N, C-alpha and C. Protein backbone atom coordinates (compact mmCIF):
# COMPACT_ATOMS: atom_id res chain seq x y z
N MET A 1 81.49 91.38 148.79
CA MET A 1 80.34 91.58 147.92
C MET A 1 80.67 92.53 146.77
N LYS A 2 81.43 93.57 147.14
CA LYS A 2 81.79 94.56 146.13
C LYS A 2 82.70 93.94 145.08
N ASN A 3 83.66 93.08 145.54
CA ASN A 3 84.56 92.43 144.59
C ASN A 3 83.80 91.50 143.65
N PHE A 4 82.80 90.79 144.21
CA PHE A 4 81.98 89.91 143.39
C PHE A 4 81.24 90.70 142.31
N SER A 5 80.72 91.88 142.72
CA SER A 5 79.99 92.74 141.78
C SER A 5 80.90 93.22 140.66
N ASN A 6 82.12 93.62 141.03
CA ASN A 6 83.07 94.10 140.02
C ASN A 6 83.47 92.98 139.06
N ARG A 7 83.67 91.76 139.64
CA ARG A 7 84.04 90.61 138.83
C ARG A 7 82.91 90.27 137.85
N TYR A 8 81.69 90.35 138.33
CA TYR A 8 80.53 90.06 137.48
C TYR A 8 80.46 91.03 136.30
N ILE A 9 80.66 92.30 136.60
CA ILE A 9 80.62 93.32 135.54
C ILE A 9 81.71 93.07 134.51
N PHE A 10 82.91 92.71 135.01
CA PHE A 10 84.03 92.46 134.10
C PHE A 10 83.75 91.27 133.20
N VAL A 11 83.28 90.17 133.81
CA VAL A 11 83.00 88.96 133.03
C VAL A 11 81.88 89.21 132.03
N PHE A 12 80.84 89.89 132.46
CA PHE A 12 79.72 90.18 131.57
C PHE A 12 80.18 91.05 130.40
N SER A 13 80.99 92.07 130.68
CA SER A 13 81.48 92.96 129.63
C SER A 13 82.35 92.20 128.64
N PHE A 14 83.20 91.31 129.19
CA PHE A 14 84.08 90.52 128.33
C PHE A 14 83.27 89.63 127.40
N ILE A 15 82.25 88.97 127.95
CA ILE A 15 81.41 88.09 127.14
C ILE A 15 80.70 88.88 126.05
N MET A 16 80.20 90.06 126.39
CA MET A 16 79.49 90.88 125.41
C MET A 16 80.42 91.33 124.29
N VAL A 17 81.66 91.69 124.65
CA VAL A 17 82.63 92.10 123.64
C VAL A 17 82.92 90.95 122.68
N VAL A 18 83.09 89.75 123.22
CA VAL A 18 83.36 88.59 122.39
C VAL A 18 82.19 88.32 121.45
N ILE A 19 80.97 88.40 122.00
CA ILE A 19 79.77 88.14 121.18
C ILE A 19 79.65 89.17 120.06
N VAL A 20 79.80 90.44 120.40
CA VAL A 20 79.67 91.50 119.39
C VAL A 20 80.75 91.37 118.32
N ALA A 21 82.00 91.08 118.77
CA ALA A 21 83.09 90.92 117.81
C ALA A 21 82.83 89.75 116.88
N SER A 22 82.31 88.67 117.43
CA SER A 22 82.01 87.49 116.61
C SER A 22 80.92 87.79 115.59
N LEU A 23 79.89 88.52 116.03
CA LEU A 23 78.80 88.87 115.12
C LEU A 23 79.28 89.79 114.00
N LEU A 24 80.15 90.74 114.35
CA LEU A 24 80.69 91.65 113.33
C LEU A 24 81.56 90.89 112.34
N ALA A 25 82.38 89.98 112.84
CA ALA A 25 83.24 89.18 111.95
C ALA A 25 82.40 88.32 111.02
N LEU A 26 81.32 87.74 111.57
CA LEU A 26 80.42 86.91 110.75
C LEU A 26 79.74 87.75 109.69
N ALA A 27 79.27 88.94 110.09
CA ALA A 27 78.60 89.82 109.13
C ALA A 27 79.55 90.23 108.01
N ALA A 28 80.80 90.55 108.40
CA ALA A 28 81.78 90.95 107.38
C ALA A 28 82.05 89.81 106.40
N THR A 29 82.14 88.59 106.93
CA THR A 29 82.40 87.42 106.08
C THR A 29 81.23 87.18 105.13
N LEU A 30 80.02 87.31 105.64
CA LEU A 30 78.84 87.06 104.81
C LEU A 30 78.65 88.14 103.75
N LEU A 31 79.03 89.38 104.10
CA LEU A 31 78.83 90.49 103.17
C LEU A 31 79.96 90.64 102.16
N GLN A 32 81.10 90.02 102.42
CA GLN A 32 82.26 90.22 101.56
C GLN A 32 82.00 89.88 100.09
N PRO A 33 81.37 88.74 99.78
CA PRO A 33 81.11 88.45 98.35
C PRO A 33 80.26 89.51 97.68
N ALA A 34 79.25 90.03 98.38
CA ALA A 34 78.40 91.07 97.80
C ALA A 34 79.18 92.36 97.61
N GLN A 35 80.05 92.69 98.57
CA GLN A 35 80.85 93.90 98.45
C GLN A 35 81.82 93.80 97.27
N GLU A 36 82.45 92.64 97.14
CA GLU A 36 83.38 92.44 96.01
C GLU A 36 82.65 92.50 94.68
N ARG A 37 81.44 91.97 94.66
CA ARG A 37 80.64 92.01 93.43
C ARG A 37 80.28 93.45 93.08
N ASN A 38 79.92 94.24 94.08
CA ASN A 38 79.58 95.64 93.85
C ASN A 38 80.78 96.43 93.34
N LEU A 39 81.97 96.14 93.87
CA LEU A 39 83.17 96.81 93.41
C LEU A 39 83.49 96.44 91.97
N GLU A 40 83.29 95.17 91.65
CA GLU A 40 83.52 94.71 90.28
C GLU A 40 82.58 95.43 89.31
N ILE A 41 81.32 95.52 89.67
CA ILE A 41 80.33 96.17 88.82
C ILE A 41 80.66 97.65 88.66
N ALA A 42 81.02 98.31 89.75
CA ALA A 42 81.36 99.74 89.69
C ALA A 42 82.55 99.98 88.78
N LYS A 43 83.53 99.10 88.86
CA LYS A 43 84.72 99.23 88.02
C LYS A 43 84.38 99.05 86.55
N LYS A 44 83.57 98.06 86.25
CA LYS A 44 83.18 97.81 84.87
C LYS A 44 82.32 98.95 84.32
N ARG A 45 81.44 99.49 85.14
CA ARG A 45 80.60 100.61 84.70
C ARG A 45 81.45 101.84 84.39
N SER A 46 82.48 102.08 85.21
CA SER A 46 83.35 103.23 84.98
C SER A 46 84.13 103.09 83.69
N MET A 47 84.65 101.90 83.43
CA MET A 47 85.37 101.69 82.18
C MET A 47 84.46 101.87 80.97
N LEU A 48 83.26 101.33 81.08
CA LEU A 48 82.29 101.49 79.99
C LEU A 48 81.95 102.96 79.77
N GLU A 49 81.81 103.70 80.85
CA GLU A 49 81.48 105.13 80.73
C GLU A 49 82.58 105.88 80.00
N SER A 50 83.84 105.46 80.18
CA SER A 50 84.94 106.15 79.51
C SER A 50 84.91 105.99 78.00
N ILE A 51 84.16 105.00 77.51
CA ILE A 51 84.00 104.84 76.05
C ILE A 51 82.58 105.20 75.61
N GLY A 52 81.86 105.88 76.48
CA GLY A 52 80.54 106.39 76.12
C GLY A 52 79.41 105.38 76.21
N VAL A 53 79.64 104.26 76.89
CA VAL A 53 78.59 103.25 77.06
C VAL A 53 78.03 103.35 78.46
N ILE A 54 76.77 103.73 78.55
CA ILE A 54 76.11 103.87 79.85
C ILE A 54 75.46 102.54 80.22
N SER A 55 75.78 102.05 81.40
CA SER A 55 75.27 100.76 81.84
C SER A 55 74.55 100.89 83.17
N THR A 56 73.89 99.84 83.55
CA THR A 56 73.23 99.76 84.85
C THR A 56 73.87 98.62 85.64
N LYS A 57 73.47 98.51 86.87
CA LYS A 57 73.97 97.42 87.70
C LYS A 57 73.61 96.07 87.10
N ASP A 58 72.46 96.02 86.44
CA ASP A 58 71.96 94.74 85.90
C ASP A 58 72.65 94.32 84.61
N ASN A 59 73.03 95.30 83.76
CA ASN A 59 73.59 94.90 82.46
C ASN A 59 75.07 95.23 82.28
N SER A 60 75.72 95.71 83.34
CA SER A 60 77.12 96.14 83.21
C SER A 60 78.05 95.00 82.84
N VAL A 61 77.84 93.82 83.41
CA VAL A 61 78.71 92.69 83.11
C VAL A 61 78.55 92.27 81.64
N GLU A 62 77.31 92.21 81.18
CA GLU A 62 77.05 91.85 79.78
C GLU A 62 77.67 92.85 78.83
N LEU A 63 77.51 94.14 79.11
CA LEU A 63 78.07 95.17 78.24
C LEU A 63 79.59 95.18 78.29
N TYR A 64 80.13 94.96 79.46
CA TYR A 64 81.59 94.91 79.59
C TYR A 64 82.16 93.79 78.71
N ASP A 65 81.56 92.63 78.79
CA ASP A 65 82.03 91.50 77.99
C ASP A 65 81.86 91.75 76.49
N ARG A 66 80.87 92.58 76.13
CA ARG A 66 80.64 92.87 74.72
C ARG A 66 81.66 93.87 74.17
N TYR A 67 81.95 94.91 74.96
CA TYR A 67 82.77 96.00 74.44
C TYR A 67 84.24 95.93 74.83
N ILE A 68 84.55 95.40 75.98
CA ILE A 68 85.94 95.36 76.45
C ILE A 68 86.41 93.92 76.37
N THR A 69 87.14 93.64 75.32
CA THR A 69 87.37 92.25 74.94
C THR A 69 88.76 91.73 75.28
N GLU A 70 89.65 92.60 75.72
CA GLU A 70 91.02 92.15 75.97
C GLU A 70 91.65 93.00 77.06
N SER A 71 92.52 92.40 77.83
CA SER A 71 93.28 93.14 78.83
C SER A 71 94.62 92.48 79.04
N PHE A 72 95.60 93.28 79.45
CA PHE A 72 96.93 92.76 79.75
C PHE A 72 97.63 93.74 80.68
N VAL A 73 98.78 93.34 81.15
CA VAL A 73 99.53 94.15 82.12
C VAL A 73 100.93 94.41 81.57
N LEU A 74 101.38 95.65 81.72
CA LEU A 74 102.70 96.06 81.25
C LEU A 74 103.62 96.41 82.41
N ASN A 75 104.93 96.41 82.13
CA ASN A 75 105.87 97.08 83.03
C ASN A 75 106.18 98.44 82.44
N ILE A 76 106.99 99.22 83.12
CA ILE A 76 107.22 100.60 82.69
C ILE A 76 108.01 100.67 81.37
N GLN A 77 108.64 99.56 80.98
CA GLN A 77 109.33 99.52 79.68
C GLN A 77 108.37 99.20 78.53
N GLY A 78 107.09 98.99 78.86
CA GLY A 78 106.11 98.69 77.83
C GLY A 78 106.04 97.24 77.46
N GLU A 79 106.65 96.39 78.28
CA GLU A 79 106.66 94.95 78.01
C GLU A 79 105.51 94.28 78.74
N VAL A 80 104.91 93.29 78.10
CA VAL A 80 103.79 92.57 78.70
C VAL A 80 104.28 91.67 79.82
N ILE A 81 103.60 91.73 80.96
CA ILE A 81 103.88 90.85 82.09
C ILE A 81 102.88 89.70 82.04
N GLU A 82 103.37 88.51 81.94
CA GLU A 82 102.49 87.35 81.80
C GLU A 82 101.89 86.95 83.16
N ASP A 83 100.75 86.27 83.06
CA ASP A 83 100.11 85.63 84.23
C ASP A 83 99.69 86.63 85.31
N VAL A 84 99.34 87.84 84.92
CA VAL A 84 98.78 88.82 85.86
C VAL A 84 97.46 89.31 85.28
N ASP A 85 96.39 89.25 86.06
CA ASP A 85 95.07 89.66 85.60
C ASP A 85 94.93 91.17 85.74
N ALA A 86 94.80 91.85 84.62
CA ALA A 86 94.74 93.31 84.64
C ALA A 86 93.58 93.83 85.49
N PHE A 87 92.44 93.14 85.44
CA PHE A 87 91.26 93.63 86.16
C PHE A 87 91.48 93.63 87.66
N ASN A 88 92.30 92.71 88.14
CA ASN A 88 92.51 92.58 89.58
C ASN A 88 93.68 93.40 90.11
N VAL A 89 94.37 94.11 89.23
CA VAL A 89 95.46 94.98 89.69
C VAL A 89 94.88 96.19 90.42
N VAL A 90 95.36 96.45 91.62
CA VAL A 90 94.90 97.59 92.42
C VAL A 90 95.93 98.70 92.26
N LEU A 91 95.56 99.74 91.54
CA LEU A 91 96.51 100.79 91.19
C LEU A 91 97.10 101.45 92.43
N ARG A 92 96.27 101.62 93.46
CA ARG A 92 96.74 102.27 94.68
C ARG A 92 97.89 101.48 95.30
N ASN A 93 97.80 100.17 95.25
CA ASN A 93 98.88 99.33 95.80
C ASN A 93 100.12 99.40 94.92
N GLU A 94 99.91 99.43 93.61
CA GLU A 94 101.05 99.50 92.69
C GLU A 94 101.84 100.78 92.88
N GLN A 95 101.16 101.87 93.18
CA GLN A 95 101.84 103.16 93.31
C GLN A 95 102.75 103.24 94.52
N ARG A 96 102.62 102.28 95.41
CA ARG A 96 103.51 102.24 96.57
C ARG A 96 104.84 101.57 96.23
N LYS A 97 104.90 100.93 95.06
CA LYS A 97 106.12 100.23 94.64
C LYS A 97 107.02 101.17 93.84
N PRO A 98 108.30 100.83 93.71
CA PRO A 98 109.16 101.57 92.78
C PRO A 98 108.59 101.46 91.37
N PRO A 99 108.73 102.47 90.54
CA PRO A 99 108.17 102.45 89.19
C PRO A 99 108.53 101.19 88.39
N GLU A 100 109.76 100.73 88.54
CA GLU A 100 110.18 99.57 87.76
C GLU A 100 109.50 98.27 88.19
N ASP A 101 108.86 98.28 89.35
CA ASP A 101 108.18 97.08 89.84
C ASP A 101 106.66 97.14 89.67
N GLN A 102 106.15 98.24 89.16
CA GLN A 102 104.70 98.42 89.09
C GLN A 102 104.09 97.63 87.93
N HIS A 103 102.86 97.18 88.15
CA HIS A 103 102.05 96.55 87.11
C HIS A 103 101.09 97.59 86.55
N LEU A 104 101.08 97.75 85.25
CA LEU A 104 100.29 98.78 84.58
C LEU A 104 99.20 98.12 83.72
N PRO A 105 97.95 98.18 84.16
CA PRO A 105 96.87 97.51 83.42
C PRO A 105 96.49 98.26 82.14
N VAL A 106 96.14 97.48 81.12
CA VAL A 106 95.65 98.02 79.86
C VAL A 106 94.43 97.22 79.45
N PHE A 107 93.40 97.93 78.98
CA PHE A 107 92.16 97.28 78.51
C PHE A 107 91.89 97.75 77.09
N ARG A 108 91.48 96.82 76.23
CA ARG A 108 91.15 97.16 74.85
C ARG A 108 89.65 97.05 74.66
N ALA A 109 89.08 98.07 74.02
CA ALA A 109 87.63 98.11 73.82
C ALA A 109 87.32 98.44 72.37
N PHE A 110 86.11 98.01 71.96
CA PHE A 110 85.66 98.24 70.59
C PHE A 110 84.24 98.81 70.62
N PRO A 111 84.12 100.14 70.74
CA PRO A 111 82.79 100.77 70.74
C PRO A 111 82.06 100.56 69.42
N ASP A 112 80.78 100.97 69.41
CA ASP A 112 79.94 100.74 68.23
C ASP A 112 80.38 101.53 67.01
N ASP A 113 81.17 102.59 67.21
CA ASP A 113 81.61 103.39 66.06
C ASP A 113 82.79 102.76 65.32
N GLY A 114 83.25 101.60 65.79
CA GLY A 114 84.33 100.90 65.10
C GLY A 114 85.73 101.30 65.54
N GLU A 115 85.82 102.29 66.41
CA GLU A 115 87.13 102.73 66.89
C GLU A 115 87.77 101.64 67.76
N LYS A 116 89.08 101.51 67.65
CA LYS A 116 89.82 100.60 68.52
C LYS A 116 90.41 101.42 69.66
N VAL A 117 89.90 101.18 70.86
CA VAL A 117 90.20 102.05 72.00
C VAL A 117 91.03 101.31 73.04
N VAL A 118 91.95 102.03 73.64
CA VAL A 118 92.72 101.51 74.78
C VAL A 118 92.29 102.29 76.02
N ILE A 119 92.01 101.58 77.10
CA ILE A 119 91.57 102.21 78.35
C ILE A 119 92.66 102.04 79.39
N LEU A 120 93.05 103.17 80.02
CA LEU A 120 94.10 103.17 81.03
C LEU A 120 93.54 103.71 82.35
N PRO A 121 93.80 103.05 83.46
CA PRO A 121 93.33 103.55 84.76
C PRO A 121 94.26 104.62 85.30
N VAL A 122 93.69 105.55 86.06
CA VAL A 122 94.48 106.61 86.71
C VAL A 122 94.00 106.75 88.15
N GLU A 123 94.92 107.12 89.03
CA GLU A 123 94.55 107.36 90.42
C GLU A 123 95.55 108.31 91.06
N GLY A 124 95.05 109.20 91.91
CA GLY A 124 95.91 110.15 92.59
C GLY A 124 95.27 110.68 93.84
N LYS A 125 95.82 111.77 94.38
CA LYS A 125 95.32 112.35 95.62
C LYS A 125 94.65 113.69 95.31
N GLY A 126 93.38 113.81 95.74
CA GLY A 126 92.67 115.07 95.60
C GLY A 126 92.89 115.95 96.80
N LEU A 127 91.99 116.89 97.01
CA LEU A 127 92.11 117.80 98.15
C LEU A 127 91.87 117.07 99.46
N TRP A 128 90.84 116.21 99.49
CA TRP A 128 90.45 115.56 100.74
C TRP A 128 90.59 114.04 100.72
N GLY A 129 90.89 113.48 99.60
CA GLY A 129 90.99 112.02 99.52
C GLY A 129 91.35 111.59 98.11
N PRO A 130 91.29 110.29 97.84
CA PRO A 130 91.67 109.78 96.52
C PRO A 130 90.76 110.29 95.40
N ILE A 131 91.34 110.50 94.25
CA ILE A 131 90.60 110.73 93.01
C ILE A 131 91.09 109.67 92.03
N TYR A 132 90.25 109.27 91.10
CA TYR A 132 90.60 108.14 90.24
C TYR A 132 89.69 108.12 89.03
N GLY A 133 89.99 107.22 88.09
CA GLY A 133 89.15 107.14 86.89
C GLY A 133 89.83 106.36 85.79
N TYR A 134 89.31 106.56 84.58
CA TYR A 134 89.83 105.88 83.39
C TYR A 134 89.94 106.87 82.24
N VAL A 135 91.00 106.72 81.47
CA VAL A 135 91.22 107.52 80.27
C VAL A 135 91.26 106.56 79.09
N SER A 136 90.38 106.76 78.12
CA SER A 136 90.39 105.93 76.92
C SER A 136 91.00 106.72 75.76
N LEU A 137 91.82 106.02 74.99
CA LEU A 137 92.54 106.64 73.88
C LEU A 137 92.13 106.01 72.56
N ARG A 138 92.09 106.84 71.52
CA ARG A 138 91.82 106.33 70.19
C ARG A 138 92.97 105.46 69.71
N SER A 139 92.82 104.86 68.55
CA SER A 139 93.81 103.92 68.04
C SER A 139 95.18 104.56 67.79
N ASP A 140 95.22 105.90 67.69
CA ASP A 140 96.52 106.56 67.52
C ASP A 140 97.31 106.61 68.83
N LEU A 141 96.67 106.18 69.94
CA LEU A 141 97.28 106.18 71.27
C LEU A 141 97.79 107.56 71.66
N ASN A 142 97.10 108.56 71.20
CA ASN A 142 97.45 109.95 71.48
C ASN A 142 96.22 110.78 71.80
N THR A 143 95.15 110.57 71.05
CA THR A 143 93.94 111.36 71.18
C THR A 143 92.98 110.72 72.19
N ILE A 144 92.49 111.53 73.11
CA ILE A 144 91.57 111.03 74.13
C ILE A 144 90.19 110.78 73.51
N TYR A 145 89.72 109.57 73.68
CA TYR A 145 88.39 109.18 73.21
C TYR A 145 87.33 109.56 74.25
N GLY A 146 87.66 109.40 75.51
CA GLY A 146 86.73 109.75 76.59
C GLY A 146 87.39 109.51 77.94
N VAL A 147 86.78 110.05 78.98
CA VAL A 147 87.31 109.85 80.33
C VAL A 147 86.15 109.67 81.30
N THR A 148 86.45 109.12 82.43
CA THR A 148 85.52 109.16 83.56
C THR A 148 86.36 109.34 84.82
N PHE A 149 85.93 110.24 85.68
CA PHE A 149 86.64 110.52 86.93
C PHE A 149 85.68 110.36 88.10
N ASP A 150 86.25 110.07 89.26
CA ASP A 150 85.44 109.99 90.47
C ASP A 150 86.31 110.34 91.67
N HIS A 151 85.70 110.36 92.84
CA HIS A 151 86.41 110.80 94.05
C HIS A 151 85.74 110.18 95.27
N ASP A 152 86.38 110.31 96.41
CA ASP A 152 85.79 109.84 97.66
C ASP A 152 85.25 110.97 98.53
N LYS A 153 85.98 112.10 98.56
CA LYS A 153 85.64 113.11 99.57
C LYS A 153 85.72 114.55 99.08
N GLU A 154 85.77 114.78 97.77
CA GLU A 154 85.91 116.16 97.30
C GLU A 154 84.66 116.98 97.62
N THR A 155 84.81 118.29 97.68
CA THR A 155 83.75 119.19 98.13
C THR A 155 82.62 119.27 97.11
N PRO A 156 81.38 118.99 97.52
CA PRO A 156 80.23 119.11 96.60
C PRO A 156 80.15 120.51 96.00
N GLY A 157 79.91 120.57 94.70
CA GLY A 157 79.78 121.86 94.03
C GLY A 157 81.11 122.46 93.64
N LEU A 158 82.20 121.92 94.16
CA LEU A 158 83.54 122.43 93.82
C LEU A 158 84.36 121.27 93.22
N GLY A 159 85.28 120.72 94.02
CA GLY A 159 86.12 119.64 93.50
C GLY A 159 85.35 118.42 93.05
N ALA A 160 84.18 118.20 93.66
CA ALA A 160 83.37 117.03 93.28
C ALA A 160 82.88 117.11 91.84
N GLU A 161 83.00 118.27 91.22
CA GLU A 161 82.56 118.44 89.84
C GLU A 161 83.41 117.67 88.84
N ILE A 162 84.50 117.05 89.30
CA ILE A 162 85.33 116.30 88.35
C ILE A 162 84.57 115.13 87.73
N ASN A 163 83.52 114.65 88.40
CA ASN A 163 82.79 113.51 87.83
C ASN A 163 81.49 113.91 87.15
N THR A 164 81.42 115.17 86.71
CA THR A 164 80.26 115.62 85.96
C THR A 164 80.53 115.53 84.46
N THR A 165 79.48 115.34 83.70
CA THR A 165 79.61 115.23 82.25
C THR A 165 80.23 116.48 81.65
N GLY A 166 79.86 117.65 82.19
CA GLY A 166 80.37 118.91 81.65
C GLY A 166 81.88 118.99 81.73
N PHE A 167 82.45 118.55 82.83
CA PHE A 167 83.90 118.59 82.99
C PHE A 167 84.57 117.48 82.18
N GLU A 168 84.06 116.27 82.30
CA GLU A 168 84.69 115.14 81.62
C GLU A 168 84.67 115.28 80.10
N SER A 169 83.61 115.87 79.57
CA SER A 169 83.48 115.97 78.11
C SER A 169 84.54 116.86 77.48
N MET A 170 85.13 117.78 78.27
CA MET A 170 86.15 118.67 77.74
C MET A 170 87.43 117.93 77.34
N PHE A 171 87.62 116.73 77.86
CA PHE A 171 88.84 115.99 77.58
C PHE A 171 88.80 115.27 76.23
N THR A 172 87.61 115.04 75.72
CA THR A 172 87.48 114.33 74.45
C THR A 172 88.16 115.11 73.33
N GLY A 173 89.03 114.44 72.60
CA GLY A 173 89.75 115.07 71.50
C GLY A 173 91.07 115.70 71.89
N LYS A 174 91.35 115.84 73.18
CA LYS A 174 92.64 116.38 73.60
C LYS A 174 93.73 115.34 73.37
N LYS A 175 94.96 115.82 73.27
CA LYS A 175 96.08 114.94 72.93
C LYS A 175 97.12 114.89 74.05
N LEU A 176 97.78 113.74 74.13
CA LEU A 176 98.80 113.54 75.16
C LEU A 176 100.19 113.92 74.68
N TYR A 177 100.39 113.92 73.36
CA TYR A 177 101.73 114.15 72.81
C TYR A 177 101.76 115.41 71.95
N GLN A 178 102.91 116.07 72.00
CA GLN A 178 103.16 117.22 71.15
C GLN A 178 104.54 117.04 70.53
N ASP A 179 104.59 116.94 69.21
CA ASP A 179 105.86 116.71 68.50
C ASP A 179 106.58 115.50 69.09
N ASP A 180 105.84 114.40 69.27
CA ASP A 180 106.39 113.13 69.78
C ASP A 180 106.89 113.22 71.22
N ARG A 181 106.52 114.27 71.92
CA ARG A 181 106.91 114.42 73.33
C ARG A 181 105.67 114.37 74.21
N PHE A 182 105.71 113.55 75.26
CA PHE A 182 104.57 113.41 76.16
C PHE A 182 104.40 114.70 76.97
N VAL A 183 103.21 115.31 76.86
CA VAL A 183 102.93 116.54 77.61
C VAL A 183 101.67 116.41 78.46
N SER A 184 100.89 115.37 78.25
CA SER A 184 99.65 115.12 78.99
C SER A 184 98.63 116.21 78.70
N VAL A 185 97.71 116.42 79.66
CA VAL A 185 96.65 117.43 79.53
C VAL A 185 96.75 118.37 80.72
N GLN A 186 96.69 119.67 80.44
CA GLN A 186 96.74 120.66 81.51
C GLN A 186 95.32 121.13 81.85
N VAL A 187 95.06 121.30 83.13
CA VAL A 187 93.77 121.81 83.60
C VAL A 187 94.02 123.26 84.03
N LEU A 188 93.51 124.21 83.23
CA LEU A 188 93.94 125.59 83.32
C LEU A 188 92.94 126.49 84.03
N LYS A 189 93.39 127.14 85.09
CA LYS A 189 92.57 128.11 85.79
C LYS A 189 92.34 129.32 84.89
N GLY A 190 91.11 129.78 84.80
CA GLY A 190 90.79 130.90 83.93
C GLY A 190 90.36 130.48 82.55
N GLY A 191 90.46 129.18 82.26
CA GLY A 191 89.95 128.67 80.99
C GLY A 191 91.04 128.40 79.97
N ALA A 192 90.83 127.37 79.18
CA ALA A 192 91.77 127.02 78.12
C ALA A 192 91.27 127.54 76.79
N ASP A 193 92.19 127.91 75.93
CA ASP A 193 91.83 128.32 74.57
C ASP A 193 91.22 127.11 73.86
N PRO A 194 90.09 127.28 73.18
CA PRO A 194 89.46 126.16 72.48
C PRO A 194 90.37 125.45 71.49
N SER A 195 91.35 126.16 70.97
CA SER A 195 92.28 125.56 70.01
C SER A 195 93.43 124.80 70.68
N ASP A 196 93.51 124.89 72.00
CA ASP A 196 94.58 124.23 72.74
C ASP A 196 94.32 122.72 72.79
N GLN A 197 95.15 121.95 72.14
CA GLN A 197 94.96 120.50 72.07
C GLN A 197 95.32 119.79 73.37
N HIS A 198 95.89 120.52 74.32
CA HIS A 198 96.36 119.89 75.55
C HIS A 198 95.78 120.54 76.80
N GLY A 199 94.81 121.44 76.65
CA GLY A 199 94.30 122.16 77.81
C GLY A 199 92.79 122.10 77.94
N VAL A 200 92.30 122.01 79.18
CA VAL A 200 90.87 122.07 79.48
C VAL A 200 90.67 123.08 80.61
N ASP A 201 89.43 123.53 80.76
CA ASP A 201 89.12 124.50 81.81
C ASP A 201 89.14 123.84 83.18
N ALA A 202 89.74 124.54 84.15
CA ALA A 202 89.69 124.08 85.53
C ALA A 202 88.28 124.29 86.09
N ILE A 203 88.00 123.62 87.17
CA ILE A 203 86.70 123.75 87.83
C ILE A 203 86.68 125.06 88.60
N SER A 204 85.65 125.85 88.40
CA SER A 204 85.52 127.12 89.11
C SER A 204 85.41 126.87 90.61
N GLY A 205 86.32 127.43 91.37
CA GLY A 205 86.31 127.24 92.82
C GLY A 205 86.94 125.94 93.27
N GLY A 206 87.38 125.13 92.33
CA GLY A 206 87.98 123.83 92.67
C GLY A 206 89.40 123.73 92.13
N THR A 207 90.18 124.78 92.32
CA THR A 207 91.51 124.84 91.73
C THR A 207 92.42 123.73 92.25
N ILE A 208 92.38 123.46 93.54
CA ILE A 208 93.29 122.46 94.11
C ILE A 208 92.98 121.08 93.55
N THR A 209 91.70 120.73 93.50
CA THR A 209 91.32 119.43 92.94
C THR A 209 91.66 119.37 91.46
N SER A 210 91.45 120.47 90.74
CA SER A 210 91.77 120.51 89.31
C SER A 210 93.25 120.24 89.07
N LYS A 211 94.10 120.90 89.85
CA LYS A 211 95.54 120.70 89.69
C LYS A 211 95.96 119.29 90.13
N ALA A 212 95.27 118.77 91.15
CA ALA A 212 95.56 117.40 91.57
C ALA A 212 95.20 116.41 90.46
N LEU A 213 94.10 116.67 89.77
CA LEU A 213 93.71 115.81 88.66
C LEU A 213 94.72 115.92 87.52
N GLU A 214 95.18 117.11 87.24
CA GLU A 214 96.21 117.28 86.21
C GLU A 214 97.47 116.49 86.56
N GLU A 215 97.87 116.57 87.82
CA GLU A 215 99.06 115.83 88.27
C GLU A 215 98.83 114.33 88.17
N MET A 216 97.62 113.88 88.54
CA MET A 216 97.29 112.47 88.45
C MET A 216 97.44 111.98 87.01
N LEU A 217 96.88 112.71 86.06
CA LEU A 217 96.95 112.31 84.65
C LEU A 217 98.40 112.23 84.18
N SER A 218 99.17 113.24 84.51
CA SER A 218 100.56 113.26 84.07
C SER A 218 101.36 112.11 84.67
N ASP A 219 101.22 111.92 85.98
CA ASP A 219 102.00 110.89 86.67
C ASP A 219 101.62 109.49 86.19
N CYS A 220 100.32 109.23 86.07
CA CYS A 220 99.87 107.87 85.71
C CYS A 220 100.11 107.56 84.24
N LEU A 221 99.75 108.48 83.36
CA LEU A 221 99.86 108.20 81.93
C LEU A 221 101.30 108.20 81.45
N LYS A 222 102.15 108.97 82.11
CA LYS A 222 103.57 109.00 81.75
C LYS A 222 104.19 107.61 81.87
N LYS A 223 103.69 106.80 82.79
CA LYS A 223 104.24 105.45 82.98
C LYS A 223 103.99 104.56 81.77
N TYR A 224 103.00 104.93 80.97
CA TYR A 224 102.70 104.15 79.76
C TYR A 224 103.45 104.69 78.53
N ASP A 225 104.32 105.66 78.74
CA ASP A 225 104.96 106.34 77.61
C ASP A 225 105.67 105.37 76.67
N ALA A 226 106.41 104.41 77.23
CA ALA A 226 107.14 103.47 76.37
C ALA A 226 106.17 102.68 75.49
N TYR A 227 105.11 102.18 76.09
CA TYR A 227 104.12 101.41 75.32
C TYR A 227 103.44 102.29 74.28
N LEU A 228 103.00 103.49 74.68
CA LEU A 228 102.28 104.36 73.76
C LEU A 228 103.19 104.80 72.60
N THR A 229 104.44 105.11 72.91
CA THR A 229 105.37 105.56 71.88
C THR A 229 105.68 104.44 70.90
N GLN A 230 105.87 103.24 71.40
CA GLN A 230 106.21 102.11 70.54
C GLN A 230 105.06 101.70 69.63
N ASN A 231 103.83 101.99 70.05
CA ASN A 231 102.67 101.49 69.30
C ASN A 231 101.82 102.59 68.67
N ARG A 232 102.24 103.85 68.81
CA ARG A 232 101.46 104.94 68.24
C ARG A 232 101.51 104.93 66.73
N ASN A 233 100.38 105.33 66.09
CA ASN A 233 100.32 105.41 64.63
C ASN A 233 100.88 106.75 64.16
């Protein structure tokens, strides 16, 4: 009798596990298109924000198509790679490859002020998880037009401040090159001199995230050096 009871419990548990697993798999399959759509919208909204265009979930696709009209993929030599969709390149996956094998997405945008802008994605490691965003450059391919940053797990009130307007706005007008040499942008603890073309203030109390963001910008944007140098005005 005891063996029968144990067998019953085992069979019942097995059946329940199969049922629950099947329901979870079905739910994941049904939700996947909506999740992919949400990721697409979030990505488009972030790119638009880097050129100063604020969008909503409802109008982000329309605005993206209006302002961001071209995209392509480069290799580290600045050469265009054919037949690769820039929007679908996952930067996190590319960073696992050797630099010479990486795909580097580029997006071209035309804001209402008539500026011809290039948008470059960036991604790195923060204090507690990934940090990422977009850097848009003016037509000189040197001066920052705007940025947008975000994170997964940075500390509220500290490192999480990287995605606030106050922090992001400091990057506008900063330059990536000095005397034709790539220097990127430094995030300086204690504050940057207003005349410093390459420095912005670090986040108070968020030094580690600030330095991680500085490293992210340098590492990611440096890969575009060949393209930026060849096409800079």
